[in-house]
Amino acid sequence: MQIHFFGAARTTTGSMYLLEVNGQRLLLECGLFQGKREESIERNRNFPFDPAQISAVILSHAHIDHCGNLPNLCRHGFAGNIYCTFATRDLASIMLEDSAEIQRADAEFVSRKRAKQNLPPVEPLYTADDAEKAVRQFVSFNYDRATPVAEGVAVTFRDAGHILGSAQVVLDIREAGRRYRFLFSGDVGRGGDDILRDPEPVADVDVLQVESTYGGREHSTRQNAVGELSRLVSETLARDGKVIIPSFSVGRTQQIVYALHQLILAGQVPKVPMFVDSPLSVNATEVYRLHPECFNDTIYRFLREKENPFGMENLTYIRELAHSMKLNDLKTPAIIISASGMCEAGRIRHHLKNHLGNPANLVLFIGYCAAHTLGAQILAGQNPVNIFGEPHPVRARIASFDAYSGHADKHELRRYVEGLTGDVKKIFVVHGEESQSLAFAETLRGLKPGAEVRVPEYRERVTI
């Protein structure tokens, strides 16, 4: 088998790995690359292989950096099956529709600028029709069910505990008279999640490809985060301020809503109006409610015996733009949760534009912000920051914590690998900024001294 590392190699974005086995080509993930505009356009539009020659795609979960370029792949000739869990299919269907709308809006914006220079318009990367056609190629099955996907290759999904439906991809391969097990970790959850089950251990692993988003970093504990969340929110509301929370629509929004719900029930946070202002977040939360089979025992019992964990009488989910715009007129304290988590798109930019200048307000980051994004600039203390091309002063209180991260930190990743069994002979460290991947590779060399540990470069090819 040969592996081509076409994405998320020494970076965290654009996950895409091509496996050549038994004369077939399997693609693990097909994510959007997100970075500098020109590089992103080039890498997302042009595949380093012929999509028509791909036999099948295997998808670990529905985040856009893992599934976001599937419509473009299908548009360019891929006609095979896209294998994933049921919850991943449901989430990906709304994620890809939303992504198509972003592609359309971006192309429209760029085309207007080009028109002023007498340049021709640009086409979106893909359309809503392309996204819908790609979803038709999804084939879903549950965790722990070995399923043939190609000659000599069977896939089994094991819960990864990262987002709803996220999976570790176990490939049992029969090739040239040999049998071996290849494990792709996908994105690994922290364990002890408020909503999801813990990552499940995998047995008899021969080759491991593992993420390293936080391979050299340690998260704060969730217990400390709950106290800090309560304190920051309560202090802001007490001074008649608003709490603005940039949040990823899938995973992080549901976590923070559940956490605030519990604090309000416990009387630790005032029962002020709370809004989830993002059509995608609203849709994703509805998908979460459809898949209680992914929940841990605690939240499953809460759902069955008490109430909807993602709903309360002071919480409003907003789809319509007109309703979103009315939030600008709010004079009373409130909590506004809006996408995107890195503040690069969506309605959060409007809320930041309207509220960053007020020192009574709090902007609370609860997730990772990649370099060069608006969120990263705010967190780095840049002042003013540009929003919609205009400078805006930062006077609001800025806070962040990573306890709600969906990614395991260096200790949790180590425990994840320790929980695997088998004689692991090769380990490939992916999906992390270079410093994080290299740090985790050193950890793995000490943990698995008999294994060859590599941190692949972009476009590197290795043979198993």
Protein backbone atom coordinates (compact mmCIF):
# COMPACT_ATOMS: atom_id res chain seq x y z
CA MET A 1 0.00 0.00 0.00
CA GLN A 2 1.11 3.52 -0.74
CA ILE A 3 -0.10 6.62 1.12
CA HIS A 4 -0.02 10.09 -0.44
CA PHE A 5 -0.29 12.93 2.08
CA PHE A 6 -2.24 15.55 0.14
CA GLY A 7 -3.52 17.58 3.09
CA ALA A 8 -3.31 18.20 6.84
CA ALA A 9 0.40 17.35 6.76
CA ARG A 10 2.30 19.68 9.11
CA THR A 11 -0.86 21.80 9.21
CA THR A 12 -4.40 21.32 10.53
CA THR A 13 -6.45 22.01 7.44
CA GLY A 14 -7.45 20.38 4.17
CA SER A 15 -7.37 16.75 5.35
CA MET A 16 -6.85 14.44 2.37
CA TYR A 17 -4.91 11.18 2.09
CA LEU A 18 -4.82 8.94 -0.96
CA LEU A 19 -4.31 5.21 -0.37
CA GLU A 20 -3.30 2.96 -3.25
CA VAL A 21 -4.01 -0.68 -2.45
CA ASN A 22 -4.68 -3.72 -4.64
CA GLY A 23 -4.72 -1.54 -7.73
CA GLN A 24 -7.45 0.72 -6.29
CA ARG A 25 -7.39 4.27 -5.02
CA LEU A 26 -9.15 5.09 -1.77
CA LEU A 27 -9.41 8.64 -0.47
CA LEU A 28 -9.43 9.27 3.27
CA GLU A 29 -11.16 12.64 3.80
CA CYS A 30 -11.63 15.41 1.26
CA GLY A 31 -11.45 18.62 3.25
CA LEU A 32 -11.28 22.25 2.29
CA PHE A 33 -7.90 23.88 2.71
CA GLN A 34 -8.27 27.15 4.61
CA GLY A 35 -5.41 29.62 4.63
CA LYS A 36 -4.12 32.48 2.54
CA ARG A 37 -6.63 33.24 -0.20
CA GLU A 38 -4.53 32.52 -3.31
CA GLU A 39 -3.08 29.29 -1.91
CA SER A 40 -6.53 28.16 -0.76
CA ILE A 41 -8.08 28.78 -4.16
CA GLU A 42 -5.31 26.86 -5.93
CA ARG A 43 -5.33 23.85 -3.60
CA ASN A 44 -9.10 23.55 -3.40
CA ARG A 45 -9.82 23.94 -7.12
CA ASN A 46 -7.10 21.61 -8.41
CA PHE A 47 -6.73 18.07 -7.13
CA PRO A 48 -3.28 16.44 -7.28
CA PHE A 49 -4.90 13.32 -8.78
CA ASP A 50 -7.71 12.45 -11.18
CA PRO A 51 -10.97 12.34 -9.17
CA ALA A 52 -12.49 9.96 -11.73
CA GLN A 53 -9.91 7.33 -10.77
CA ILE A 54 -10.85 7.27 -7.08
CA SER A 55 -12.66 4.04 -6.17
CA ALA A 56 -14.24 5.24 -2.90
CA VAL A 57 -14.00 7.92 -0.23
CA ILE A 58 -13.96 7.19 3.49
CA LEU A 59 -14.94 10.08 5.75
CA SER A 60 -14.18 10.24 9.48
CA HIS A 61 -16.47 13.15 10.37
CA ALA A 62 -18.36 16.16 9.06
CA HIS A 63 -16.13 19.15 9.81
CA ILE A 64 -15.48 21.21 6.69
CA ASP A 65 -11.70 20.74 6.84
CA HIS A 66 -12.44 17.01 6.42
CA CYS A 67 -15.47 16.88 4.08
CA GLY A 68 -15.75 20.36 2.55
CA ASN A 69 -14.31 19.63 -0.90
CA LEU A 70 -16.41 16.54 -1.63
CA PRO A 71 -18.82 18.43 -3.96
CA ASN A 72 -15.84 19.60 -6.01
CA LEU A 73 -14.45 16.05 -6.12
CA CYS A 74 -17.78 14.73 -7.43
CA ARG A 75 -18.07 17.64 -9.83
CA HIS A 76 -14.74 16.61 -11.37
CA GLY A 77 -15.65 13.01 -12.02
CA PHE A 78 -15.70 11.00 -8.78
CA ALA A 79 -18.71 8.68 -9.02
CA GLY A 80 -18.06 6.18 -6.22
CA ASN A 81 -19.41 5.76 -2.69
CA ILE A 82 -18.59 8.05 0.24
CA TYR A 83 -18.58 5.91 3.38
CA CYS A 84 -19.33 7.40 6.81
CA THR A 85 -21.55 7.00 9.88
CA PHE A 86 -25.24 7.95 9.84
CA ALA A 87 -24.75 11.06 11.97
CA THR A 88 -21.84 12.18 9.80
CA ARG A 89 -24.01 11.94 6.71
CA ASP A 90 -26.75 14.05 8.30
CA LEU A 91 -24.30 16.69 9.52
CA ALA A 92 -22.32 16.75 6.27
CA SER A 93 -25.48 17.35 4.26
CA ILE A 94 -26.15 20.64 6.07
CA MET A 95 -22.46 21.56 6.31
CA LEU A 96 -21.93 21.20 2.57
CA GLU A 97 -25.08 23.15 1.73
CA ASP A 98 -23.85 25.96 3.99
CA SER A 99 -20.37 25.77 2.47
CA ALA A 100 -21.84 26.09 -1.03
CA GLU A 101 -23.60 29.28 0.02
CA ILE A 102 -20.30 30.65 1.36
CA GLN A 103 -18.61 29.75 -1.94
CA ARG A 104 -21.36 31.60 -3.83
CA ALA A 105 -21.13 34.69 -1.62
CA ASP A 106 -17.34 34.77 -1.79
CA ALA A 107 -17.35 34.45 -5.59
CA GLU A 108 -19.94 37.22 -5.84
CA PHE A 109 -17.84 39.51 -3.62
CA VAL A 110 -14.63 38.87 -5.54
CA SER A 111 -16.42 39.27 -8.88
CA ARG A 112 -17.70 42.71 -7.86
CA LYS A 113 -14.15 43.80 -7.05
CA ARG A 114 -12.87 42.37 -10.32
CA ALA A 115 -15.61 44.16 -12.27
CA LYS A 116 -14.23 47.49 -11.07
CA GLN A 117 -10.93 46.51 -12.72
CA ASN A 118 -12.68 45.34 -15.92
CA LEU A 119 -11.78 41.74 -15.10
CA PRO A 120 -14.07 38.75 -15.73
CA PRO A 121 -16.08 37.27 -12.82
CA VAL A 122 -14.96 34.17 -10.91
CA GLU A 123 -16.98 31.01 -10.44
CA PRO A 124 -17.70 29.54 -6.99
CA LEU A 125 -15.75 26.42 -6.07
CA TYR A 126 -19.05 24.53 -6.18
CA THR A 127 -22.79 25.16 -5.99
CA ALA A 128 -25.64 24.01 -3.77
CA ASP A 129 -26.61 21.56 -6.54
CA ASP A 130 -23.10 20.10 -6.48
CA ALA A 131 -23.34 19.70 -2.71
CA GLU A 132 -26.71 17.98 -2.95
CA LYS A 133 -25.44 15.60 -5.64
CA ALA A 134 -22.41 14.70 -3.50
CA VAL A 135 -24.66 13.81 -0.56
CA ARG A 136 -26.46 11.32 -2.82
CA GLN A 137 -23.21 9.35 -3.00
CA PHE A 138 -23.00 8.88 0.78
CA VAL A 139 -23.33 5.33 2.07
CA SER A 140 -23.73 5.12 5.84
CA PHE A 141 -23.41 2.41 8.45
CA ASN A 142 -23.08 2.26 12.18
CA TYR A 143 -20.09 1.91 14.48
CA ASP A 144 -18.45 -1.50 14.93
CA ARG A 145 -19.74 -3.08 11.71
CA ALA A 146 -16.98 -4.29 9.39
CA THR A 147 -17.99 -3.49 5.81
CA PRO A 148 -16.11 -4.28 2.54
CA VAL A 149 -15.42 -1.07 0.61
CA ALA A 150 -12.91 -2.31 -1.99
CA GLU A 151 -11.10 -5.47 -3.07
CA GLY A 152 -9.23 -6.69 0.01
CA VAL A 153 -10.28 -3.73 2.17
CA ALA A 154 -12.93 -3.67 4.91
CA VAL A 155 -13.69 -0.61 7.02
CA THR A 156 -14.94 -0.47 10.59
CA PHE A 157 -15.88 2.79 12.29
CA ARG A 158 -15.07 3.20 15.98
CA ASP A 159 -16.35 6.14 18.01
CA ALA A 160 -13.76 8.96 18.14
CA GLY A 161 -15.65 11.15 20.64
CA HIS A 162 -14.81 14.34 18.69
CA ILE A 163 -18.18 15.49 17.30
CA LEU A 164 -21.47 13.75 16.66
CA GLY A 165 -20.83 10.74 14.42
CA SER A 166 -17.05 11.16 14.40
CA ALA A 167 -15.14 7.96 13.81
CA GLN A 168 -11.78 6.35 13.89
CA VAL A 169 -11.33 4.56 10.58
CA VAL A 170 -10.14 0.96 10.94
CA LEU A 171 -9.02 -0.59 7.64
CA ASP A 172 -8.44 -4.34 7.60
CA ILE A 173 -6.33 -4.92 4.51
CA ARG A 174 -5.51 -8.09 2.62
CA GLU A 175 -2.75 -7.39 0.10
CA ALA A 176 -0.16 -9.59 -1.64
CA GLY A 177 -0.75 -12.48 0.76
CA ARG A 178 -0.46 -10.27 3.84
CA ARG A 179 -3.07 -9.08 6.29
CA TYR A 180 -2.66 -5.99 8.42
CA ARG A 181 -4.71 -3.36 10.21
CA PHE A 182 -4.37 0.32 9.39
CA LEU A 183 -5.92 2.78 11.84
CA PHE A 184 -6.64 6.39 10.94
CA SER A 185 -7.53 8.17 14.15
CA GLY A 186 -9.58 10.93 12.54
CA ASP A 187 -9.86 13.74 15.08
CA VAL A 188 -9.69 12.35 18.61
CA GLY A 189 -11.97 13.67 21.34
CA ARG A 190 -10.82 14.44 24.85
CA GLY A 191 -12.97 11.93 26.69
CA GLY A 192 -15.24 12.93 29.56
CA ASP A 193 -17.30 15.03 27.12
CA ASP A 194 -20.56 16.59 28.33
CA ILE A 195 -22.43 15.12 25.37
CA LEU A 196 -20.47 12.41 23.55
CA ARG A 197 -19.04 9.04 24.46
CA ASP A 198 -15.31 8.58 25.04
CA PRO A 199 -13.06 7.49 22.15
CA GLU A 200 -13.17 3.69 21.90
CA PRO A 201 -9.90 1.71 21.98
CA VAL A 202 -8.90 -0.24 18.87
CA ALA A 203 -7.17 -3.62 19.01
CA ASP A 204 -4.48 -5.25 16.85
CA VAL A 205 -3.17 -2.10 15.15
CA ASP A 206 -0.20 -2.54 12.78
CA VAL A 207 -0.04 0.93 11.19
CA LEU A 208 -1.29 4.11 12.85
CA GLN A 209 -2.02 7.49 11.31
CA VAL A 210 -2.80 9.86 14.18
CA GLU A 211 -3.84 13.50 14.52
CA SER A 212 -1.73 15.94 16.57
CA THR A 213 -3.69 19.20 16.70
CA TYR A 214 -2.62 19.72 20.32
CA GLY A 215 0.25 17.25 20.33
CA GLY A 216 2.47 19.59 22.33
CA ARG A 217 -0.12 21.46 24.40
CA GLU A 218 -2.13 20.88 27.53
CA HIS A 219 -5.76 21.99 27.91
CA SER A 220 -7.24 23.46 31.05
CA THR A 221 -9.60 21.15 32.93
CA ARG A 222 -13.33 21.25 32.28
CA GLN A 223 -14.02 21.66 36.00
CA ASN A 224 -12.02 24.89 36.04
CA ALA A 225 -13.69 25.97 32.79
CA VAL A 226 -17.19 25.66 34.24
CA GLY A 227 -16.24 27.95 37.13
CA GLU A 228 -14.51 30.40 34.80
CA LEU A 229 -17.47 30.39 32.39
CA SER A 230 -19.85 31.11 35.26
CA ARG A 231 -17.68 33.94 36.60
CA LEU A 232 -17.00 35.66 33.26
CA VAL A 233 -20.60 35.50 32.08
CA SER A 234 -22.08 36.59 35.42
CA GLU A 235 -19.69 39.54 35.76
CA THR A 236 -20.52 40.75 32.26
CA LEU A 237 -24.26 40.48 32.72
CA ALA A 238 -24.04 42.23 36.11
CA ARG A 239 -22.58 45.31 34.40
CA ASP A 240 -25.36 45.23 31.78
CA GLY A 241 -23.02 43.94 29.11
CA LYS A 242 -23.50 41.37 26.41
CA VAL A 243 -21.60 38.11 26.08
CA ILE A 244 -20.56 37.39 22.48
CA ILE A 245 -19.35 33.84 21.88
CA PRO A 246 -17.84 32.98 18.49
CA SER A 247 -18.50 29.28 18.10
CA PHE A 248 -18.23 26.50 15.56
CA SER A 249 -21.70 25.42 14.48
CA VAL A 250 -21.07 21.71 14.91
CA GLY A 251 -19.90 20.47 18.28
CA ARG A 252 -18.82 23.61 20.08
CA THR A 253 -22.21 25.37 19.89
CA GLN A 254 -24.03 22.37 21.33
CA GLN A 255 -21.42 22.04 24.10
CA ILE A 256 -21.63 25.67 25.21
CA VAL A 257 -25.45 25.68 25.08
CA TYR A 258 -25.52 22.58 27.28
CA ALA A 259 -22.96 24.05 29.70
CA LEU A 260 -24.90 27.32 30.03
CA HIS A 261 -28.15 25.37 30.42
CA GLN A 262 -26.69 23.50 33.39
CA LEU A 263 -25.34 26.72 34.97
CA ILE A 264 -28.72 28.42 34.62
CA LEU A 265 -30.50 25.41 36.12
CA ALA A 266 -28.04 25.54 39.04
CA GLY A 267 -28.67 29.27 39.55
CA GLN A 268 -25.03 30.13 38.84
CA VAL A 269 -25.80 32.27 35.76
CA PRO A 270 -28.73 34.70 35.46
CA LYS A 271 -31.60 33.66 33.21
CA VAL A 272 -31.11 36.35 30.57
CA PRO A 273 -32.12 36.11 26.91
CA MET A 274 -29.78 33.80 25.02
CA PHE A 275 -29.55 33.48 21.25
CA VAL A 276 -27.93 30.99 18.90
CA ASP A 277 -27.64 33.14 15.79
CA SER A 278 -26.57 30.91 12.94
CA PRO A 279 -28.76 28.93 10.53
CA LEU A 280 -26.13 26.20 10.39
CA SER A 281 -25.93 25.99 14.19
CA VAL A 282 -29.71 25.69 14.37
CA ASN A 283 -29.74 22.91 11.79
CA ALA A 284 -26.81 21.13 13.42
CA THR A 285 -28.52 21.18 16.81
CA GLU A 286 -31.57 19.56 15.26
CA VAL A 287 -29.32 16.82 13.85
CA TYR A 288 -27.85 16.31 17.31
CA ARG A 289 -31.33 15.71 18.67
CA LEU A 290 -31.88 13.04 15.99
CA HIS A 291 -28.88 10.98 17.09
CA PRO A 292 -29.08 10.20 20.81
CA GLU A 293 -27.28 6.93 20.03
CA CYS A 294 -24.09 9.02 20.01
CA PHE A 295 -24.71 10.51 23.47
CA ASN A 296 -23.03 9.44 26.68
CA ASP A 297 -25.17 7.95 29.46
CA THR A 298 -25.53 11.20 31.43
CA ILE A 299 -26.98 13.35 28.67
CA TYR A 300 -29.03 10.43 27.33
CA ARG A 301 -30.74 10.12 30.73
CA PHE A 302 -31.20 13.92 30.88
CA LEU A 303 -32.89 13.81 27.48
CA ARG A 304 -35.14 10.88 28.39
CA GLU A 305 -36.03 11.85 31.96
CA LYS A 306 -35.91 15.67 32.12
CA GLU A 307 -35.89 17.91 29.04
CA ASN A 308 -34.21 18.83 25.80
CA PRO A 309 -30.55 19.50 26.76
CA PHE A 310 -30.25 22.03 23.90
CA GLY A 311 -33.39 24.03 24.66
CA MET A 312 -34.76 26.26 27.44
CA GLU A 313 -37.40 28.96 27.65
CA ASN A 314 -34.88 31.84 27.56
CA LEU A 315 -33.06 30.41 24.51
CA THR A 316 -33.94 31.44 20.94
CA TYR A 317 -32.52 29.81 17.82
CA ILE A 318 -32.32 32.26 14.91
CA ARG A 319 -32.37 31.36 11.23
CA GLU A 320 -33.80 34.50 9.60
CA LEU A 321 -31.46 37.40 8.82
CA ALA A 322 -34.11 39.94 9.81
CA HIS A 323 -34.36 38.44 13.31
CA SER A 324 -30.58 38.42 13.54
CA MET A 325 -30.42 42.11 12.67
CA LYS A 326 -32.89 42.91 15.45
CA LEU A 327 -30.29 41.76 17.97
CA ASN A 328 -28.44 45.01 17.21
CA ASP A 329 -31.27 46.89 18.92
CA LEU A 330 -31.09 44.90 22.18
CA LYS A 331 -30.55 47.23 25.13
CA THR A 332 -30.60 44.60 27.87
CA PRO A 333 -27.93 42.06 28.87
CA ALA A 334 -27.87 38.97 26.66
CA ILE A 335 -25.76 36.05 25.50
CA ILE A 336 -25.21 35.72 21.74
CA ILE A 337 -23.60 32.58 20.32
CA SER A 338 -22.78 32.85 16.63
CA ALA A 339 -20.64 31.25 13.93
CA SER A 340 -17.95 31.06 12.82
CA GLY A 341 -15.60 30.16 15.65
CA MET A 342 -12.61 31.81 13.97
CA CYS A 343 -14.71 34.90 13.03
CA GLU A 344 -13.86 34.50 9.35
CA ALA A 345 -17.41 34.21 8.03
CA GLY A 346 -21.01 34.24 9.09
CA ARG A 347 -23.01 36.53 11.36
CA ILE A 348 -20.41 36.68 14.14
CA ARG A 349 -18.58 39.43 12.25
CA HIS A 350 -21.67 41.65 12.44
CA HIS A 351 -21.94 41.07 16.19
CA LEU A 352 -18.26 41.88 16.66
CA LYS A 353 -18.63 45.02 14.56
CA ASN A 354 -21.49 46.17 16.79
CA HIS A 355 -20.15 45.11 20.19
CA LEU A 356 -16.32 45.10 20.18
CA GLY A 357 -16.22 48.80 20.98
CA ASN A 358 -18.16 48.57 24.27
CA PRO A 359 -16.00 47.91 27.38
CA ALA A 360 -19.03 46.47 29.20
CA ASN A 361 -19.17 43.54 26.76
CA LEU A 362 -17.29 40.25 26.76
CA VAL A 363 -16.07 38.37 23.68
CA LEU A 364 -15.44 34.81 24.80
CA PHE A 365 -13.49 32.42 22.56
CA ILE A 366 -14.00 28.74 23.30
CA GLY A 367 -12.11 27.17 20.40
CA TYR A 368 -9.04 27.19 18.22
CA CYS A 369 -8.34 30.16 15.93
CA ALA A 370 -5.89 29.51 13.11
CA ALA A 371 -3.16 32.03 12.31
CA HIS A 372 -4.19 35.12 10.33
CA THR A 373 -7.91 34.74 11.11
CA LEU A 374 -9.90 37.60 12.65
CA GLY A 375 -10.30 35.58 15.82
CA ALA A 376 -6.54 35.08 16.11
CA GLN A 377 -5.96 38.81 15.59
CA ILE A 378 -8.37 39.72 18.39
CA LEU A 379 -6.84 37.13 20.72
CA ALA A 380 -3.34 38.44 19.93
CA GLY A 381 -4.39 41.90 21.10
CA GLN A 382 -4.45 43.60 17.72
CA ASN A 383 -6.27 46.92 18.01
CA PRO A 384 -8.03 48.03 15.93
CA VAL A 385 -9.07 45.06 13.80
CA ASN A 386 -10.51 45.17 10.29
CA ILE A 387 -14.07 43.93 9.88
CA PHE A 388 -15.63 44.20 6.43
CA GLY A 389 -12.59 46.21 5.36
CA GLU A 390 -12.97 48.88 8.04
CA PRO A 391 -11.02 49.36 11.30
CA HIS A 392 -12.90 48.78 14.56
CA PRO A 393 -11.48 49.52 18.02
CA VAL A 394 -11.34 46.66 20.53
CA ARG A 395 -12.58 47.90 23.91
CA ALA A 396 -14.61 44.87 25.00
CA ARG A 397 -13.12 42.40 27.43
CA ILE A 398 -11.51 39.48 25.56
CA ALA A 399 -11.23 36.03 27.15
CA SER A 400 -10.61 32.51 25.97
CA PHE A 401 -10.26 29.01 27.27
CA ASP A 402 -9.71 25.71 25.54
CA ALA A 403 -11.42 23.31 27.94
CA TYR A 404 -14.29 22.94 25.46
CA SER A 405 -11.95 21.92 22.69
CA GLY A 406 -13.11 18.88 20.79
CA HIS A 407 -9.49 17.77 20.30
CA ALA A 408 -7.46 15.73 22.76
CA ASP A 409 -4.41 17.50 24.20
CA LYS A 410 -0.93 15.98 24.45
CA HIS A 411 -1.76 13.91 27.55
CA GLU A 412 -5.10 12.73 26.18
CA LEU A 413 -3.52 11.82 22.84
CA ARG A 414 -0.88 9.87 24.68
CA ARG A 415 -3.56 7.98 26.63
CA TYR A 416 -5.40 7.33 23.36
CA VAL A 417 -2.32 5.69 21.82
CA GLU A 418 -1.61 3.79 25.04
CA GLY A 419 -5.12 2.33 24.80
CA LEU A 420 -4.42 0.80 21.37
CA THR A 421 -3.21 -2.78 21.26
CA GLY A 422 -1.11 -4.58 18.70
CA ASP A 423 2.45 -4.46 17.42
CA VAL A 424 2.41 -0.99 15.89
CA LYS A 425 5.22 -0.88 13.34
CA LYS A 426 4.69 2.50 11.68
CA ILE A 427 3.15 5.73 12.94
CA PHE A 428 2.38 8.77 10.79
CA VAL A 429 1.68 12.00 12.68
CA VAL A 430 -0.70 14.32 10.80
CA HIS A 431 -3.27 17.09 11.31
CA GLY A 432 -1.21 19.46 13.42
CA GLU A 433 0.86 22.58 12.95
CA GLU A 434 4.46 21.53 12.45
CA SER A 435 5.52 22.29 16.02
CA GLN A 436 2.63 20.26 17.46
CA SER A 437 3.21 17.29 15.14
CA LEU A 438 6.93 17.19 15.84
CA ALA A 439 6.34 17.43 19.58
CA PHE A 440 3.87 14.55 19.54
CA ALA A 441 6.19 12.50 17.33
CA GLU A 442 8.84 12.74 20.06
CA THR A 443 6.29 11.59 22.63
CA LEU A 444 5.41 8.62 20.43
CA ARG A 445 9.04 7.63 19.94
CA GLY A 446 9.33 7.26 23.70
CA LEU A 447 5.97 5.54 23.97
CA LYS A 448 6.45 3.12 21.05
CA PRO A 449 10.22 2.59 20.76
CA GLY A 450 9.78 -0.28 18.31
CA ALA A 451 7.77 1.77 15.82
CA GLU A 452 8.99 3.99 13.02
CA VAL A 453 7.49 7.44 13.69
CA ARG A 454 7.27 9.96 10.85
CA VAL A 455 5.83 13.43 10.38
CA PRO A 456 5.03 13.48 6.65
CA GLU A 457 5.50 16.53 4.48
CA TYR A 458 2.80 17.81 2.14
CA ARG A 459 2.66 15.59 -0.99
CA GLU A 460 5.02 13.03 0.54
CA ARG A 461 4.43 9.42 -0.51
CA VAL A 462 5.26 6.39 1.65
CA THR A 463 4.99 2.66 1.10
CA ILE A 464 3.65 0.21 3.67
